[in-house]
Amino acid sequence: MSGRSRGAGAPKSRPPRSGQATALLAASATFSLFLIAAIVAAWSVFYAPGPAARGGADATIVTLPSGAGVGAIAANLKAAGVIRSTDMFKAAATLTGADRRLRAGEYEVPSGASLRAVLVLLVEGRVVRHYVTLPEGWSSAQAVDILMRQPLLTGEIPDIPEEGSLWPDTYEIGRGDTRASVIARMTTAQADNLARLWAARSPRTVVKSPEEAVILASIVEKETAVASERPRVAAVFSNRLRLGMRLESDPTIVYGLTRGRPLGRGIRRSELERATAWNTYQIDGLPPTPIANPGREALAAVLDPPPSDELYFVADGSGGHAFARTFEAHLVNVARWREIERRKAGLPAGVGPTVPDAGPDAAPSGVAAPAGAQVIRLPPAAPAR
């Protein structure tokens, strides 16, 4: 081959001219500066304080529906005034991977929360949780009152549930839940818990059905606010039922008058003597329905009462009760309670308080009843054979 053809391959590379290199470096530096500026700007937006809550509030409540995508969530947050830009929110959610982990629910977003703080709140699912409580011993009418006062709930409760059909407990509720659905949950919980307690009942119980258990437990629940006394009170009422003695429970008088709402005053003598289906001073055995919604402990006490021969109890001035096996011992306890009442009323010695709930009967022959004592009727003696 000739020497001319030896170098006929690819052209020799030439180094860029110095002006071109300078231009490339300048362009690269400019791009880097823009990139850095963009990152700094995005970083500052991501961590910068967000909008203040409207009206000077400490937080904004916003509800994100289930199944909503990141775009709908961004629009919801923007409409609530929680974020400034839907595009920035969507970009931040996408870049951080939060767009696949946002959770529905009701959120309380602090005033001025940054975009990052909002995303963390939604990713971790720090939803606002609401609860409603039905206390032990409250009536079904009171349960309806509780739910009707809850502004988060919707709808009406057409009828007051049957007395004793609701389970006292604390229930979580969501904004927009219907009141009827909460009642349904309370009813289901009562049926489930009663079935379990009834299955584990003791042979010592005097009740013959789950319905009777709820009736007697409701009376126990209303008679004492001291949890430790429930078994003892249940034993007293169980003993009285076995002996054919009337229960003579004041709360049953009140229920016959108000159907489950507070009386707001003392019981009058005329009301004690008034015959209603629930007045256990006037009827034998159990009333036809419960007088409240009893809780687990009251039901357990009725279904497994402790061994006892006590037949009486009366308030002791400390929030609890003094119990007695005999009528004579009970009268002593009653006199002690009346003296406590007299002192609270500021009355002189020997003058009893005008408490209108004293029993109407005279003391049995041979028993000296103290002034103002409530006398509990004893069953008539069986005829001699």
Protein backbone atom coordinates (compact mmCIF):
# COMPACT_ATOMS: atom_id res chain seq x y z
CA MET A 1 0.00 0.00 0.00
CA SER A 2 1.14 3.48 -0.64
CA GLY A 3 1.98 5.84 2.15
CA ARG A 4 -0.91 8.08 1.18
CA SER A 5 -3.45 5.38 1.84
CA ARG A 6 -1.99 4.43 5.22
CA GLY A 7 -3.60 7.27 7.10
CA ALA A 8 -6.98 7.17 5.36
CA GLY A 9 -8.93 5.88 8.41
CA ALA A 10 -11.15 7.97 10.80
CA PRO A 11 -10.18 11.62 11.09
CA LYS A 12 -7.99 12.53 13.98
CA SER A 13 -9.91 13.90 17.03
CA ARG A 14 -9.16 17.42 17.85
CA PRO A 15 -9.42 18.93 21.30
CA PRO A 16 -12.23 21.47 21.69
CA ARG A 17 -11.31 24.96 21.32
CA SER A 18 -10.88 26.85 24.57
CA GLY A 19 -13.99 29.00 23.89
CA GLN A 20 -16.25 25.94 23.50
CA ALA A 21 -14.96 24.38 26.72
CA THR A 22 -15.60 27.54 28.59
CA ALA A 23 -19.17 27.69 27.27
CA LEU A 24 -19.84 24.10 28.27
CA LEU A 25 -18.50 24.65 31.74
CA ALA A 26 -20.57 27.80 32.14
CA ALA A 27 -23.72 26.01 31.00
CA SER A 28 -23.06 23.14 33.39
CA ALA A 29 -22.46 25.53 36.25
CA THR A 30 -25.63 27.45 35.45
CA PHE A 31 -27.67 24.25 35.35
CA SER A 32 -26.18 23.16 38.65
CA LEU A 33 -27.01 26.49 40.19
CA PHE A 34 -30.57 26.28 38.92
CA LEU A 35 -30.84 22.72 40.22
CA ILE A 36 -29.48 23.72 43.60
CA ALA A 37 -31.80 26.71 43.70
CA ALA A 38 -34.76 24.49 42.81
CA ILE A 39 -33.83 21.96 45.48
CA VAL A 40 -33.42 24.71 48.06
CA ALA A 41 -36.76 26.23 47.03
CA ALA A 42 -38.53 22.86 47.20
CA TRP A 43 -36.83 22.09 50.50
CA SER A 44 -37.94 25.40 51.96
CA VAL A 45 -41.51 24.89 50.75
CA PHE A 46 -41.51 21.33 52.14
CA TYR A 47 -40.42 22.44 55.61
CA ALA A 48 -41.75 26.00 55.70
CA PRO A 49 -44.80 26.82 57.86
CA GLY A 50 -48.08 26.24 56.08
CA PRO A 51 -51.24 28.36 56.12
CA ALA A 52 -52.65 29.48 59.44
CA ALA A 53 -55.96 27.95 60.47
CA ARG A 54 -58.97 30.04 59.59
CA GLY A 55 -60.55 32.25 62.20
CA GLY A 56 -57.51 32.11 64.44
CA ALA A 57 -58.22 28.48 65.41
CA ASP A 58 -55.49 26.22 66.74
CA ALA A 59 -56.18 23.53 64.16
CA THR A 60 -58.23 22.67 61.11
CA ILE A 61 -60.45 19.60 60.98
CA VAL A 62 -60.38 17.92 57.58
CA THR A 63 -61.96 14.62 56.55
CA LEU A 64 -60.40 12.53 53.79
CA PRO A 65 -62.83 10.00 52.28
CA SER A 66 -61.87 6.39 51.82
CA GLY A 67 -60.64 5.52 48.33
CA ALA A 68 -59.65 9.07 47.40
CA GLY A 69 -56.54 9.46 45.23
CA VAL A 70 -53.69 11.86 45.86
CA GLY A 71 -55.26 14.47 43.58
CA ALA A 72 -58.59 14.41 45.42
CA ILE A 73 -56.81 14.50 48.77
CA ALA A 74 -54.76 17.49 47.66
CA ALA A 75 -57.90 19.30 46.51
CA ASN A 76 -59.60 18.52 49.83
CA LEU A 77 -56.64 19.85 51.81
CA LYS A 78 -56.45 22.98 49.65
CA ALA A 79 -60.18 23.64 50.07
CA ALA A 80 -59.80 23.31 53.85
CA GLY A 81 -56.93 25.81 53.83
CA VAL A 82 -54.35 23.31 55.05
CA ILE A 83 -51.97 23.55 52.06
CA ARG A 84 -51.19 26.38 49.62
CA SER A 85 -50.64 24.40 46.42
CA THR A 86 -52.12 21.14 45.20
CA ASP A 87 -49.25 20.73 42.73
CA MET A 88 -46.62 21.05 45.45
CA PHE A 89 -48.51 18.57 47.61
CA LYS A 90 -48.77 16.03 44.79
CA ALA A 91 -45.11 16.49 43.87
CA ALA A 92 -43.98 16.09 47.48
CA ALA A 93 -46.20 13.05 47.96
CA THR A 94 -44.85 11.44 44.78
CA LEU A 95 -41.17 12.18 45.44
CA THR A 96 -41.36 10.90 49.03
CA GLY A 97 -43.46 7.85 48.15
CA ALA A 98 -46.21 9.06 50.47
CA ASP A 99 -48.77 9.03 47.63
CA ARG A 100 -49.14 5.25 48.08
CA ARG A 101 -49.54 5.40 51.86
CA LEU A 102 -51.99 8.22 52.54
CA ARG A 103 -54.80 7.10 54.88
CA ALA A 104 -58.41 8.17 54.96
CA GLY A 105 -60.05 9.53 58.06
CA GLU A 106 -60.65 12.68 60.05
CA TYR A 107 -57.55 14.73 60.84
CA GLU A 108 -56.83 17.68 63.09
CA VAL A 109 -54.10 19.62 61.29
CA PRO A 110 -52.31 22.13 63.53
CA SER A 111 -52.35 25.73 62.41
CA GLY A 112 -49.27 26.51 60.27
CA ALA A 113 -48.31 22.86 59.79
CA SER A 114 -45.64 22.41 57.12
CA LEU A 115 -46.17 20.31 54.01
CA ARG A 116 -43.92 17.68 55.52
CA ALA A 117 -45.93 17.67 58.77
CA VAL A 118 -49.18 17.25 56.83
CA LEU A 119 -47.77 14.31 54.88
CA VAL A 120 -46.44 12.65 58.04
CA LEU A 121 -49.86 13.10 59.67
CA LEU A 122 -51.62 11.42 56.76
CA VAL A 123 -49.07 8.64 56.25
CA GLU A 124 -49.04 7.67 59.95
CA GLY A 125 -52.83 7.83 60.09
CA ARG A 126 -53.04 10.08 63.13
CA VAL A 127 -56.80 10.39 62.80
CA VAL A 128 -59.04 12.11 65.31
CA ARG A 129 -60.82 9.48 67.40
CA HIS A 130 -64.20 10.16 68.96
CA TYR A 131 -65.89 8.17 71.71
CA VAL A 132 -69.27 8.06 73.40
CA THR A 133 -69.86 6.40 76.77
CA LEU A 134 -73.00 4.81 78.17
CA PRO A 135 -72.37 4.61 81.94
CA GLU A 136 -73.46 1.58 83.93
CA GLY A 137 -76.90 1.98 85.41
CA TRP A 138 -78.14 4.59 82.95
CA SER A 139 -81.52 4.02 81.37
CA SER A 140 -82.29 3.60 77.69
CA ALA A 141 -83.96 7.01 77.66
CA GLN A 142 -80.73 8.53 78.98
CA ALA A 143 -78.74 6.62 76.33
CA VAL A 144 -80.87 8.26 73.64
CA ASP A 145 -80.26 11.64 75.28
CA ILE A 146 -76.49 11.02 75.18
CA LEU A 147 -76.50 10.16 71.48
CA MET A 148 -78.80 13.00 70.51
CA ARG A 149 -76.35 15.45 72.08
CA GLN A 150 -73.47 14.16 69.92
CA PRO A 151 -73.06 16.62 67.02
CA LEU A 152 -70.85 14.20 65.09
CA LEU A 153 -73.69 11.69 64.73
CA THR A 154 -76.54 11.91 62.28
CA GLY A 155 -80.13 10.74 62.06
CA GLU A 156 -82.83 10.12 64.62
CA ILE A 157 -83.63 7.28 67.00
CA PRO A 158 -87.29 6.57 66.28
CA ASP A 159 -88.03 4.68 69.49
CA ILE A 160 -86.41 4.37 72.90
CA PRO A 161 -84.79 0.91 73.05
CA GLU A 162 -86.15 -1.64 75.47
CA GLU A 163 -84.86 -1.07 78.98
CA GLY A 164 -81.85 -3.23 79.76
CA SER A 165 -81.13 -3.99 76.09
CA LEU A 166 -78.02 -1.78 75.83
CA TRP A 167 -74.49 -2.62 76.97
CA PRO A 168 -72.80 0.07 79.09
CA ASP A 169 -69.39 0.74 77.57
CA THR A 170 -67.30 3.28 75.67
CA TYR A 171 -67.81 3.14 71.91
CA GLU A 172 -65.69 4.70 69.18
CA ILE A 173 -67.72 6.71 66.70
CA GLY A 174 -66.91 8.44 63.44
CA ARG A 175 -68.13 11.73 62.09
CA GLY A 176 -71.31 11.07 60.15
CA ASP A 177 -72.17 7.75 61.84
CA THR A 178 -75.88 7.35 62.42
CA ARG A 179 -77.27 7.27 65.92
CA ALA A 180 -79.27 4.19 65.04
CA SER A 181 -76.05 2.36 64.14
CA VAL A 182 -74.55 3.14 67.55
CA ILE A 183 -77.71 1.85 69.25
CA ALA A 184 -77.41 -1.32 67.16
CA ARG A 185 -73.81 -1.81 68.33
CA MET A 186 -74.88 -1.35 71.97
CA THR A 187 -77.69 -3.88 71.52
CA THR A 188 -75.42 -6.45 69.89
CA ALA A 189 -72.82 -6.04 72.63
CA GLN A 190 -75.49 -6.56 75.30
CA ALA A 191 -76.76 -9.76 73.70
CA ASP A 192 -73.25 -11.18 73.26
CA ASN A 193 -72.08 -10.36 76.80
CA LEU A 194 -75.30 -11.53 78.44
CA ALA A 195 -75.08 -14.86 76.62
CA ARG A 196 -71.53 -15.43 77.89
CA LEU A 197 -72.39 -14.44 81.46
CA TRP A 198 -75.55 -16.56 81.51
CA ALA A 199 -73.63 -19.60 80.28
CA ALA A 200 -71.24 -19.24 83.24
CA ARG A 201 -73.96 -18.70 85.91
CA SER A 202 -73.69 -20.30 89.33
CA PRO A 203 -76.25 -22.68 90.88
CA ARG A 204 -76.61 -20.08 93.65
CA THR A 205 -78.41 -17.62 91.41
CA VAL A 206 -82.14 -17.15 92.03
CA VAL A 207 -82.97 -15.87 88.54
CA LYS A 208 -84.47 -18.33 86.12
CA SER A 209 -83.73 -16.65 82.79
CA PRO A 210 -81.39 -14.11 81.23
CA GLU A 211 -84.25 -11.61 81.26
CA GLU A 212 -84.68 -11.99 85.03
CA ALA A 213 -80.94 -11.59 85.44
CA VAL A 214 -81.01 -8.23 83.68
CA ILE A 215 -83.98 -7.06 85.78
CA LEU A 216 -82.36 -7.93 89.11
CA ALA A 217 -78.93 -6.67 88.01
CA SER A 218 -80.46 -3.32 87.04
CA ILE A 219 -81.81 -2.93 90.58
CA VAL A 220 -78.43 -3.86 92.05
CA GLU A 221 -76.77 -1.33 89.74
CA LYS A 222 -79.06 1.48 90.86
CA GLU A 223 -78.80 0.66 94.55
CA THR A 224 -75.06 1.19 94.95
CA ALA A 225 -72.36 3.22 93.25
CA VAL A 226 -69.65 1.28 95.11
CA ALA A 227 -68.38 -1.46 92.83
CA SER A 228 -67.21 -3.67 95.69
CA GLU A 229 -70.73 -3.69 97.17
CA ARG A 230 -72.49 -5.11 94.14
CA PRO A 231 -72.02 -8.79 95.12
CA ARG A 232 -73.22 -8.07 98.64
CA VAL A 233 -76.29 -6.16 97.46
CA ALA A 234 -77.02 -8.93 94.96
CA ALA A 235 -76.83 -11.46 97.79
CA VAL A 236 -79.30 -9.45 99.92
CA PHE A 237 -81.85 -9.25 97.12
CA SER A 238 -81.33 -12.92 96.26
CA ASN A 239 -81.97 -13.89 99.88
CA ARG A 240 -85.12 -11.77 100.03
CA LEU A 241 -86.47 -13.35 96.85
CA ARG A 242 -85.82 -16.84 98.22
CA LEU A 243 -87.73 -16.00 101.41
CA GLY A 244 -90.63 -14.36 99.57
CA MET A 245 -89.78 -10.92 100.96
CA ARG A 246 -90.43 -7.88 98.86
CA LEU A 247 -87.32 -6.18 97.49
CA GLU A 248 -88.42 -2.71 98.66
CA SER A 249 -85.92 -0.87 96.50
CA ASP A 250 -86.29 2.90 96.20
CA PRO A 251 -84.95 3.07 92.60
CA THR A 252 -87.88 0.94 91.47
CA ILE A 253 -90.25 3.62 92.78
CA VAL A 254 -88.43 6.27 90.78
CA TYR A 255 -88.54 4.22 87.59
CA GLY A 256 -92.28 3.80 87.93
CA LEU A 257 -92.57 7.58 88.05
CA THR A 258 -90.07 8.73 85.41
CA ARG A 259 -89.39 5.70 83.18
CA GLY A 260 -85.67 6.06 83.53
CA ARG A 261 -84.97 9.75 83.93
CA PRO A 262 -83.79 11.31 87.21
CA LEU A 263 -86.49 12.33 89.66
CA GLY A 264 -84.50 15.33 90.83
CA ARG A 265 -85.81 15.22 94.41
CA GLY A 266 -86.58 12.87 97.25
CA ILE A 267 -89.34 10.27 97.07
CA ARG A 268 -92.61 11.40 98.62
CA ARG A 269 -94.55 9.15 100.97
CA SER A 270 -97.48 9.19 98.56
CA GLU A 271 -95.18 7.93 95.81
CA LEU A 272 -93.86 5.17 98.01
CA GLU A 273 -97.42 4.03 98.57
CA ARG A 274 -98.44 4.47 94.92
CA ALA A 275 -98.93 1.18 93.12
CA THR A 276 -96.98 0.94 89.86
CA ALA A 277 -95.74 -2.11 88.00
CA TRP A 278 -92.19 -1.36 89.22
CA ASN A 279 -92.77 -0.31 92.84
CA THR A 280 -91.20 -3.20 94.75
CA TYR A 281 -92.67 -1.86 97.99
CA GLN A 282 -96.07 -2.74 96.52
CA ILE A 283 -95.39 -5.77 94.30
CA ASP A 284 -93.98 -9.20 95.04
CA GLY A 285 -90.93 -10.49 93.24
CA LEU A 286 -89.30 -8.74 90.32
CA PRO A 287 -90.78 -5.86 88.32
CA PRO A 288 -91.80 -6.58 84.72
CA THR A 289 -88.77 -4.91 83.10
CA PRO A 290 -85.31 -3.73 84.09
CA ILE A 291 -85.04 -0.21 85.50
CA ALA A 292 -81.69 0.57 83.83
CA ASN A 293 -78.95 -0.96 81.70
CA PRO A 294 -76.73 -2.95 84.09
CA GLY A 295 -73.05 -3.52 83.47
CA ARG A 296 -70.91 -6.63 83.61
CA GLU A 297 -70.17 -6.52 87.36
CA ALA A 298 -73.79 -6.19 88.41
CA LEU A 299 -74.83 -9.04 86.12
CA ALA A 300 -71.97 -11.23 87.35
CA ALA A 301 -72.98 -10.52 90.96
CA VAL A 302 -76.58 -11.56 90.31
CA LEU A 303 -75.54 -14.70 88.42
CA ASP A 304 -73.05 -15.73 91.11
CA PRO A 305 -74.02 -14.11 94.43
CA PRO A 306 -71.71 -14.81 97.37
CA PRO A 307 -72.98 -16.94 100.25
CA SER A 308 -74.72 -14.64 102.73
CA ASP A 309 -77.58 -14.49 105.23
CA GLU A 310 -77.93 -10.70 105.13
CA LEU A 311 -81.39 -9.32 104.39
CA TYR A 312 -81.07 -5.56 104.88
CA PHE A 313 -78.89 -2.60 104.03
CA VAL A 314 -79.07 1.16 104.46
CA ALA A 315 -76.79 4.08 103.61
CA ASP A 316 -73.94 4.56 106.08
CA GLY A 317 -73.00 8.15 105.29
CA SER A 318 -69.73 7.30 103.53
CA GLY A 319 -71.18 6.57 100.11
CA GLY A 320 -71.63 2.90 100.94
CA HIS A 321 -74.10 0.88 102.98
CA ALA A 322 -74.41 -0.81 106.35
CA PHE A 323 -75.64 -4.40 106.03
CA ALA A 324 -77.56 -6.46 108.58
CA ARG A 325 -78.82 -10.00 109.02
CA THR A 326 -81.64 -9.20 111.42
CA PHE A 327 -84.37 -6.59 111.43
CA GLU A 328 -83.28 -5.34 114.86
CA ALA A 329 -79.71 -4.77 113.69
CA HIS A 330 -81.06 -3.04 110.61
CA LEU A 331 -83.07 -0.64 112.75
CA VAL A 332 -79.89 0.34 114.59
CA ASN A 333 -78.21 1.06 111.24
CA VAL A 334 -81.22 3.06 110.10
CA ALA A 335 -81.15 5.13 113.29
CA ARG A 336 -77.46 5.82 112.75
CA TRP A 337 -78.16 6.96 109.17
CA ARG A 338 -81.03 9.20 110.30
CA GLU A 339 -78.69 10.83 112.83
CA ILE A 340 -76.21 11.51 110.03
CA GLU A 341 -79.00 13.07 107.99
CA ARG A 342 -80.10 15.16 110.98
CA ARG A 343 -76.60 16.55 111.44
CA LYS A 344 -76.25 17.32 107.73
CA ALA A 345 -79.54 19.20 107.88
CA GLY A 346 -78.39 21.15 110.93
CA LEU A 347 -81.36 20.02 113.03
CA PRO A 348 -81.27 19.88 116.84
CA ALA A 349 -80.99 16.59 118.67
CA GLY A 350 -84.19 14.58 118.77
CA VAL A 351 -85.64 16.21 115.66
CA GLY A 352 -85.54 13.98 112.61
CA PRO A 353 -85.16 15.33 109.09
CA THR A 354 -88.29 15.54 107.01
CA VAL A 355 -87.29 12.82 104.58
CA PRO A 356 -90.38 11.78 102.61
CA ASP A 357 -89.20 8.26 101.84
CA ALA A 358 -89.84 6.64 105.23
CA GLY A 359 -91.81 3.43 105.06
CA PRO A 360 -95.53 3.60 105.82
CA ASP A 361 -95.71 0.65 108.14
CA ALA A 362 -95.54 0.61 111.89
CA ALA A 363 -92.81 -1.37 113.57
CA PRO A 364 -93.56 -5.00 114.36
CA SER A 365 -94.85 -5.72 117.82
CA GLY A 366 -92.09 -5.68 120.45
CA VAL A 367 -89.64 -3.66 118.30
CA ALA A 368 -89.01 -0.02 119.15
CA ALA A 369 -88.44 1.80 115.84
CA PRO A 370 -86.31 4.96 116.14
CA ALA A 371 -87.84 8.22 114.95
CA GLY A 372 -87.79 8.45 111.17
CA ALA A 373 -86.72 4.85 110.70
CA GLN A 374 -87.74 3.11 107.51
CA VAL A 375 -89.40 -0.13 108.49
CA ILE A 376 -89.07 -2.98 106.03
CA ARG A 377 -92.09 -5.25 105.93
CA LEU A 378 -91.47 -8.84 106.95
CA PRO A 379 -93.40 -11.71 105.36
CA PRO A 380 -96.33 -12.97 107.42
CA ALA A 381 -95.57 -15.93 109.62
CA ALA A 382 -96.84 -19.27 108.37
CA PRO A 383 -99.90 -20.49 110.27
CA ALA A 384 -99.27 -23.09 112.94
CA ARG A 385 -100.14 -26.63 111.98
